[in-house]
Amino acid sequence: MALPARLQPRYRKNAYLFIYYLIQFCGHSWILTNMTVRFFSFGKDSMVDTFYAIGLVMRLCQSISLLELLHICVGIESNHLLPRFLQLTERIIILFVVITSQEEVQEKYVVCVLFFFWNLLDMVRYTYSMLSVIGISYAVLTWLSQTLWMPIYPLCVLAEAFAVYQSLPYFESFGTYSTKLPFDLSIYFPYVLKTYLMMLFIGMYFTYSHLYSERSDILRVFPIKKKKM
């Protein structure tokens, strides 16, 4: 039976969001499962080559996540743009600028720890979002998606800061991204990274405050939203 014309745009939007969340859920679930199996199979040795094993899929998932900024701008998702922008750019900078550009950093344990935290948060978040789009909500999942980030997100920021700190000697030695500009000006990239470290913690405070406020709003009403039978 055909849907009424007034419902078709909403149906298409929800179908698109469901497919997007499903793709992200599958990607992050694969990464997390792969990391877990590798760790129990090879122990600490698996942590050294984490980036080589899952880096491509990780970069793909993070690149696709930039669509979320477009979703907010065009009104497909109801979320605040600035906090989401800070979260996404934070990951993009760490993943593509700091880790991908320095092969020596890719072998550090912090990369494995960071990928584990990122994917744990995203797997729960995309599961919650995917089910919410089709009108299904579980109290436990709602609580978990709105609470797990509270201890994990600060640990993510600390791991990101440590990754930047460990990358500084390599950026200084190889001169990656450092360049000379006209009129005797130059960009020394390690200074840029040190400045970014301060901005990272400022952004964490802003994002944490926003997420906590959002959590309070959602948990205030979620007990009355039960799965439809």
Protein backbone atom coordinates (compact mmCIF):
# COMPACT_ATOMS: atom_id res chain seq x y z
CA MET A 1 0.00 0.00 0.00
CA ALA A 2 1.41 3.38 -1.03
CA LEU A 3 2.21 5.91 1.65
CA PRO A 4 0.37 9.26 1.70
CA ALA A 5 2.33 11.96 -0.09
CA ARG A 6 2.88 13.93 3.13
CA LEU A 7 4.60 10.92 4.75
CA GLN A 8 6.89 10.03 1.86
CA PRO A 9 9.65 12.61 2.62
CA ARG A 10 9.78 11.48 6.25
CA TYR A 11 9.90 7.82 5.19
CA ARG A 12 12.76 8.48 2.76
CA LYS A 13 14.66 10.43 5.42
CA ASN A 14 14.28 7.68 7.98
CA ALA A 15 15.22 5.00 5.45
CA TYR A 16 18.35 6.92 4.51
CA LEU A 17 19.35 7.48 8.15
CA PHE A 18 18.74 3.83 8.99
CA ILE A 19 21.01 2.70 6.15
CA TYR A 20 23.67 5.24 7.17
CA TYR A 21 23.60 4.15 10.82
CA LEU A 22 23.61 0.49 9.77
CA ILE A 23 26.70 0.97 7.62
CA GLN A 24 28.50 2.75 10.44
CA PHE A 25 27.40 0.13 12.97
CA CYS A 26 28.72 -2.68 10.76
CA GLY A 27 32.02 -0.88 10.19
CA HIS A 28 32.68 -0.10 13.84
CA SER A 29 31.46 -3.53 14.98
CA TRP A 30 33.87 -5.19 12.54
CA ILE A 31 36.75 -3.07 13.82
CA LEU A 32 35.98 -3.74 17.48
CA THR A 33 35.50 -7.47 16.87
CA ASN A 34 38.71 -7.65 14.83
CA MET A 35 40.69 -5.88 17.54
CA THR A 36 39.27 -8.12 20.29
CA VAL A 37 39.96 -11.36 18.40
CA ARG A 38 43.47 -10.25 17.48
CA PHE A 39 44.25 -9.29 21.08
CA PHE A 40 43.12 -12.64 22.50
CA SER A 41 44.96 -14.46 19.72
CA PHE A 42 48.27 -12.58 19.71
CA GLY A 43 48.26 -10.59 22.95
CA LYS A 44 50.27 -7.37 23.10
CA ASP A 45 51.87 -8.12 19.73
CA SER A 46 48.53 -7.36 18.06
CA MET A 47 48.59 -3.79 19.41
CA VAL A 48 51.69 -2.87 17.43
CA ASP A 49 50.13 -3.48 14.02
CA THR A 50 46.59 -2.37 14.83
CA PHE A 51 46.76 0.45 12.31
CA TYR A 52 47.96 -1.84 9.52
CA ALA A 53 45.18 -4.34 10.22
CA ILE A 54 42.19 -1.98 10.55
CA GLY A 55 43.47 1.48 9.60
CA LEU A 56 41.80 1.48 6.18
CA VAL A 57 38.35 0.63 7.54
CA MET A 58 38.84 3.10 10.39
CA ARG A 59 39.67 5.92 7.98
CA LEU A 60 36.70 5.00 5.81
CA CYS A 61 34.26 5.07 8.74
CA GLN A 62 35.60 8.39 10.00
CA SER A 63 35.47 9.92 6.53
CA ILE A 64 31.85 8.84 6.08
CA SER A 65 31.00 10.31 9.49
CA LEU A 66 31.59 13.79 8.04
CA LEU A 67 28.18 13.36 6.40
CA GLU A 68 26.70 13.95 9.85
CA LEU A 69 27.64 17.62 9.59
CA LEU A 70 25.67 17.79 6.34
CA HIS A 71 22.77 15.97 7.99
CA ILE A 72 22.58 18.62 10.69
CA CYS A 73 22.92 21.52 8.24
CA VAL A 74 20.06 20.34 6.02
CA GLY A 75 17.88 19.28 8.94
CA ILE A 76 17.99 15.51 8.48
CA GLU A 77 19.35 15.09 12.01
CA SER A 78 18.26 17.22 14.93
CA ASN A 79 21.52 17.95 16.69
CA HIS A 80 23.76 20.89 17.50
CA LEU A 81 26.34 21.56 14.80
CA LEU A 82 29.25 22.94 16.83
CA PRO A 83 29.66 20.08 19.36
CA ARG A 84 29.44 17.49 16.59
CA PHE A 85 31.88 19.49 14.47
CA LEU A 86 34.37 19.56 17.35
CA GLN A 87 34.07 15.81 17.90
CA LEU A 88 34.52 14.95 14.24
CA THR A 89 37.37 17.34 13.49
CA GLU A 90 39.11 16.15 16.65
CA ARG A 91 39.15 12.60 15.30
CA ILE A 92 39.97 13.59 11.73
CA ILE A 93 43.01 15.59 12.84
CA ILE A 94 44.31 12.83 15.11
CA LEU A 95 43.67 10.02 12.63
CA PHE A 96 44.70 11.60 9.32
CA VAL A 97 47.17 14.30 10.34
CA VAL A 98 48.91 12.82 13.38
CA ILE A 99 48.71 9.03 12.96
CA THR A 100 48.44 8.40 9.23
CA SER A 101 51.25 10.81 8.31
CA GLN A 102 53.79 9.30 10.73
CA GLU A 103 54.51 5.61 10.30
CA GLU A 104 56.41 5.51 13.59
CA VAL A 105 53.32 6.67 15.50
CA GLN A 106 51.19 3.96 13.90
CA GLU A 107 53.10 1.31 15.86
CA LYS A 108 52.46 2.89 19.27
CA TYR A 109 50.18 1.20 21.80
CA VAL A 110 48.19 4.42 22.15
CA VAL A 111 46.78 3.92 18.64
CA CYS A 112 45.22 0.60 19.67
CA VAL A 113 43.82 2.12 22.87
CA LEU A 114 42.41 5.10 21.00
CA PHE A 115 40.79 2.97 18.30
CA PHE A 116 39.21 0.75 20.97
CA PHE A 117 37.66 3.74 22.78
CA TRP A 118 36.43 5.36 19.56
CA ASN A 119 34.79 2.21 18.26
CA LEU A 120 33.26 1.22 21.58
CA LEU A 121 31.51 4.58 21.80
CA ASP A 122 30.44 4.58 18.16
CA MET A 123 29.12 1.02 18.17
CA VAL A 124 26.77 1.86 21.06
CA ARG A 125 25.84 5.27 19.63
CA TYR A 126 25.01 3.98 16.16
CA THR A 127 23.03 1.04 17.58
CA TYR A 128 20.92 3.47 19.60
CA SER A 129 20.47 5.87 16.66
CA MET A 130 19.64 3.07 14.21
CA LEU A 131 16.88 1.68 16.41
CA SER A 132 15.55 5.13 17.29
CA VAL A 133 14.99 5.92 13.61
CA ILE A 134 12.58 2.98 13.27
CA GLY A 135 10.80 3.80 16.53
CA ILE A 136 12.38 1.18 18.79
CA SER A 137 13.85 2.16 22.13
CA TYR A 138 15.19 0.15 25.04
CA ALA A 139 15.70 1.71 28.43
CA VAL A 140 19.03 -0.05 28.99
CA LEU A 141 20.41 0.88 25.58
CA THR A 142 19.25 4.49 25.98
CA TRP A 143 20.90 4.75 29.37
CA LEU A 144 24.09 3.11 28.05
CA SER A 145 24.35 5.38 25.01
CA GLN A 146 23.87 8.45 27.20
CA THR A 147 26.21 7.32 29.98
CA LEU A 148 29.09 5.33 28.48
CA TRP A 149 30.71 8.45 27.06
CA MET A 150 31.05 10.01 30.53
CA PRO A 151 34.13 7.96 31.52
CA ILE A 152 35.25 7.05 27.99
CA TYR A 153 35.27 10.46 26.29
CA PRO A 154 37.81 12.06 28.69
CA LEU A 155 39.99 8.95 28.25
CA CYS A 156 39.72 9.42 24.48
CA VAL A 157 40.93 13.01 24.79
CA LEU A 158 43.83 11.94 27.02
CA ALA A 159 44.79 9.23 24.52
CA GLU A 160 44.56 11.74 21.66
CA ALA A 161 46.75 14.19 23.56
CA PHE A 162 49.28 11.42 24.27
CA ALA A 163 49.31 10.47 20.58
CA VAL A 164 50.06 14.09 19.66
CA TYR A 165 52.80 14.22 22.32
CA GLN A 166 54.41 11.03 20.99
CA SER A 167 54.26 12.34 17.42
CA LEU A 168 56.06 15.63 18.14
CA PRO A 169 59.64 14.25 17.85
CA TYR A 170 58.84 12.77 14.43
CA PHE A 171 57.29 15.97 13.13
CA GLU A 172 60.37 17.83 14.39
CA SER A 173 62.80 15.36 12.79
CA PHE A 174 61.08 14.91 9.43
CA GLY A 175 59.62 18.40 9.07
CA THR A 176 56.25 17.00 7.99
CA TYR A 177 53.78 19.80 7.17
CA SER A 178 56.33 22.44 8.16
CA THR A 179 56.77 24.86 5.30
CA LYS A 180 58.16 28.25 4.38
CA LEU A 181 55.84 30.97 3.19
CA PRO A 182 56.53 34.16 1.24
CA PHE A 183 57.83 37.26 3.02
CA ASP A 184 60.14 35.25 5.33
CA LEU A 185 57.23 33.55 7.06
CA SER A 186 57.11 29.89 7.94
CA ILE A 187 54.90 27.30 9.56
CA TYR A 188 56.62 25.04 12.08
CA PHE A 189 54.07 22.27 12.50
CA PRO A 190 55.14 21.08 15.99
CA TYR A 191 54.11 24.52 17.28
CA VAL A 192 50.74 24.06 15.59
CA LEU A 193 50.32 20.71 17.34
CA LYS A 194 51.25 22.17 20.72
CA THR A 195 48.64 24.86 20.23
CA TYR A 196 46.16 22.19 19.20
CA LEU A 197 46.81 20.32 22.46
CA MET A 198 45.49 23.29 24.44
CA MET A 199 42.49 23.62 22.14
CA LEU A 200 41.81 19.90 22.55
CA PHE A 201 41.13 20.24 26.26
CA ILE A 202 39.13 23.44 25.81
CA GLY A 203 36.99 21.65 23.22
CA MET A 204 36.61 18.69 25.59
CA TYR A 205 35.08 20.94 28.26
CA PHE A 206 32.62 22.45 25.78
CA THR A 207 31.65 19.07 24.28
CA TYR A 208 31.36 17.38 27.68
CA SER A 209 29.06 20.14 28.93
CA HIS A 210 26.84 19.82 25.85
CA LEU A 211 26.67 16.02 26.05
CA TYR A 212 25.84 16.14 29.75
CA SER A 213 23.02 18.61 29.12
CA GLU A 214 21.74 16.43 26.28
CA ARG A 215 21.92 13.36 28.52
CA SER A 216 19.84 15.07 31.20
CA ASP A 217 17.15 16.00 28.67
CA ILE A 218 16.95 12.50 27.18
CA LEU A 219 17.02 10.53 30.44
CA ARG A 220 14.33 12.78 31.87
CA VAL A 221 11.83 11.39 29.36
CA PHE A 222 13.18 8.01 28.24
CA PRO A 223 11.36 5.87 30.86
CA ILE A 224 8.02 6.63 29.18
CA LYS A 225 9.36 5.64 25.75
CA LYS A 226 8.96 1.91 25.61
CA LYS A 227 9.12 -0.52 22.76
CA LYS A 228 5.85 -0.76 20.93
CA MET A 229 4.31 -4.20 21.02
